[in-house]
Amino acid sequence: MSCPICSRKSDAKYRPFCSKRCADIDLGRWMSGNYAIPSDDPEDLEKAAEALSEPPAKPH
């Protein structure tokens, strides 16, 4: 099995990744929203539309 991030051979300790670095890259992508599961739920679509129409939040 190859690492889904860099395509090197996966390591059993970090499976399916080859290293902690690649596992952390994947986790960072999930946490930042780069990976998303699409939804067909009308309520989710409505919430997304509302979020786009609101002004951006000011940083603290």
N, C-alpha and C. Protein backbone atom coordinates (compact mmCIF):
# COMPACT_ATOMS: atom_id res chain seq x y z
N MET A 1 0.86 -1.18 0.00
CA MET A 1 0.00 0.00 0.00
C MET A 1 0.90 1.24 0.00
N SER A 2 0.52 2.23 -0.78
CA SER A 2 1.31 3.46 -0.83
C SER A 2 0.62 4.57 -0.04
N CYS A 3 1.44 5.48 0.44
CA CYS A 3 0.97 6.62 1.22
C CYS A 3 0.09 7.51 0.33
N PRO A 4 -1.10 7.89 0.80
CA PRO A 4 -1.98 8.74 -0.02
C PRO A 4 -1.47 10.17 -0.17
N ILE A 5 -0.48 10.57 0.63
CA ILE A 5 0.05 11.93 0.56
C ILE A 5 1.24 12.01 -0.40
N CYS A 6 2.23 11.11 -0.22
CA CYS A 6 3.46 11.22 -1.00
C CYS A 6 3.74 10.01 -1.90
N SER A 7 2.94 8.98 -1.80
CA SER A 7 3.04 7.76 -2.62
C SER A 7 4.20 6.83 -2.24
N ARG A 8 4.89 7.10 -1.15
CA ARG A 8 5.91 6.15 -0.68
C ARG A 8 5.23 4.95 -0.05
N LYS A 9 6.01 3.92 0.21
CA LYS A 9 5.47 2.71 0.85
C LYS A 9 4.99 3.07 2.26
N SER A 10 3.79 2.62 2.63
CA SER A 10 3.25 2.95 3.95
C SER A 10 3.98 2.17 5.04
N ASP A 11 3.98 2.74 6.23
CA ASP A 11 4.60 2.15 7.41
C ASP A 11 3.47 1.65 8.31
N ALA A 12 3.61 0.44 8.82
CA ALA A 12 2.56 -0.15 9.66
C ALA A 12 2.24 0.74 10.86
N LYS A 13 3.23 1.45 11.37
CA LYS A 13 3.02 2.31 12.55
C LYS A 13 2.09 3.49 12.23
N TYR A 14 2.13 3.98 10.99
CA TYR A 14 1.35 5.17 10.61
C TYR A 14 0.32 4.86 9.53
N ARG A 15 0.04 3.63 9.31
CA ARG A 15 -0.84 3.18 8.23
C ARG A 15 -2.11 3.99 8.11
N PRO A 16 -2.51 4.45 7.00
CA PRO A 16 -2.02 4.15 5.66
C PRO A 16 -0.89 5.06 5.20
N PHE A 17 -0.35 5.87 6.09
CA PHE A 17 0.68 6.82 5.73
C PHE A 17 2.08 6.22 5.91
N CYS A 18 3.09 6.91 5.37
CA CYS A 18 4.46 6.43 5.48
C CYS A 18 5.16 6.99 6.71
N SER A 19 4.64 8.08 7.26
CA SER A 19 5.31 8.74 8.38
C SER A 19 4.32 9.60 9.16
N LYS A 20 4.78 10.07 10.31
CA LYS A 20 3.96 10.98 11.12
C LYS A 20 3.74 12.28 10.36
N ARG A 21 4.75 12.70 9.61
CA ARG A 21 4.63 13.94 8.83
C ARG A 21 3.45 13.87 7.86
N CYS A 22 3.35 12.78 7.09
CA CYS A 22 2.24 12.65 6.14
C CYS A 22 0.90 12.51 6.85
N ALA A 23 0.90 11.81 8.00
CA ALA A 23 -0.34 11.70 8.78
C ALA A 23 -0.78 13.08 9.27
N ASP A 24 0.18 13.90 9.70
CA ASP A 24 -0.14 15.25 10.17
C ASP A 24 -0.61 16.15 9.03
N ILE A 25 -0.04 15.99 7.85
CA ILE A 25 -0.50 16.76 6.69
C ILE A 25 -1.96 16.44 6.41
N ASP A 26 -2.30 15.15 6.44
CA ASP A 26 -3.68 14.74 6.19
C ASP A 26 -4.62 15.30 7.26
N LEU A 27 -4.22 15.22 8.52
CA LEU A 27 -5.04 15.77 9.60
C LEU A 27 -5.25 17.27 9.42
N GLY A 28 -4.20 17.97 9.05
CA GLY A 28 -4.31 19.41 8.81
C GLY A 28 -5.28 19.74 7.69
N ARG A 29 -5.29 18.91 6.66
CA ARG A 29 -6.24 19.13 5.56
C ARG A 29 -7.67 18.94 6.03
N TRP A 30 -7.92 17.95 6.87
CA TRP A 30 -9.27 17.75 7.41
C TRP A 30 -9.67 18.93 8.29
N MET A 31 -8.75 19.36 9.16
CA MET A 31 -9.08 20.43 10.11
C MET A 31 -9.27 21.78 9.42
N SER A 32 -8.59 22.01 8.31
CA SER A 32 -8.73 23.30 7.62
C SER A 32 -9.92 23.32 6.66
N GLY A 33 -10.55 22.16 6.47
CA GLY A 33 -11.71 22.11 5.59
C GLY A 33 -11.38 21.79 4.14
N ASN A 34 -10.12 21.44 3.87
CA ASN A 34 -9.76 21.07 2.50
C ASN A 34 -10.48 19.82 2.04
N TYR A 35 -10.77 18.94 2.98
CA TYR A 35 -11.55 17.75 2.68
C TYR A 35 -12.96 18.01 3.20
N ALA A 36 -13.94 17.73 2.40
CA ALA A 36 -15.32 17.93 2.83
C ALA A 36 -16.20 16.88 2.20
N ILE A 37 -17.22 16.49 2.92
CA ILE A 37 -18.19 15.54 2.41
C ILE A 37 -19.40 16.35 1.96
N PRO A 38 -19.73 16.31 0.67
CA PRO A 38 -20.86 17.11 0.19
C PRO A 38 -22.19 16.63 0.77
N SER A 39 -23.10 17.57 0.90
CA SER A 39 -24.42 17.27 1.44
C SER A 39 -25.50 17.73 0.47
N ASP A 40 -26.55 16.92 0.35
CA ASP A 40 -27.70 17.30 -0.47
C ASP A 40 -28.88 17.76 0.40
N ASP A 41 -28.65 17.85 1.70
CA ASP A 41 -29.70 18.24 2.64
C ASP A 41 -30.06 19.71 2.41
N PRO A 42 -31.33 20.02 2.09
CA PRO A 42 -31.73 21.41 1.84
C PRO A 42 -31.41 22.34 3.01
N GLU A 43 -31.48 21.84 4.22
CA GLU A 43 -31.17 22.68 5.39
C GLU A 43 -29.70 23.09 5.37
N ASP A 44 -28.80 22.18 5.00
CA ASP A 44 -27.38 22.51 4.91
C ASP A 44 -27.14 23.55 3.82
N LEU A 45 -27.83 23.41 2.69
CA LEU A 45 -27.68 24.37 1.61
C LEU A 45 -28.14 25.76 2.04
N GLU A 46 -29.23 25.81 2.80
CA GLU A 46 -29.74 27.09 3.29
C GLU A 46 -28.74 27.74 4.25
N LYS A 47 -28.17 26.95 5.15
CA LYS A 47 -27.18 27.48 6.10
C LYS A 47 -25.95 28.00 5.36
N ALA A 48 -25.52 27.29 4.32
CA ALA A 48 -24.36 27.72 3.54
C ALA A 48 -24.64 29.04 2.84
N ALA A 49 -25.82 29.18 2.28
CA ALA A 49 -26.20 30.42 1.60
C ALA A 49 -26.24 31.59 2.58
N GLU A 50 -26.76 31.35 3.79
CA GLU A 50 -26.78 32.40 4.81
C GLU A 50 -25.37 32.80 5.21
N ALA A 51 -24.50 31.82 5.36
CA ALA A 51 -23.12 32.10 5.77
C ALA A 51 -22.40 32.95 4.70
N LEU A 52 -22.69 32.70 3.44
CA LEU A 52 -22.06 33.47 2.37
C LEU A 52 -22.56 34.90 2.32
N SER A 53 -23.80 35.14 2.75
CA SER A 53 -24.36 36.48 2.67
C SER A 53 -23.98 37.34 3.89
N GLU A 54 -23.46 36.72 4.95
CA GLU A 54 -23.05 37.47 6.14
C GLU A 54 -21.67 38.07 5.92
N PRO A 55 -21.41 39.25 6.53
CA PRO A 55 -20.06 39.83 6.43
C PRO A 55 -19.07 38.95 7.20
N PRO A 56 -17.81 38.93 6.78
CA PRO A 56 -16.81 38.11 7.47
C PRO A 56 -16.62 38.56 8.91
N ALA A 57 -16.35 37.62 9.78
CA ALA A 57 -16.12 37.92 11.20
C ALA A 57 -14.79 38.65 11.35
N LYS A 58 -14.75 39.62 12.25
CA LYS A 58 -13.51 40.37 12.49
C LYS A 58 -12.61 39.54 13.42
N PRO A 59 -11.30 39.49 13.14
CA PRO A 59 -10.38 38.74 14.02
C PRO A 59 -10.27 39.42 15.37
N HIS A 60 -10.01 38.64 16.38
CA HIS A 60 -9.89 39.17 17.75
C HIS A 60 -8.56 39.76 17.98
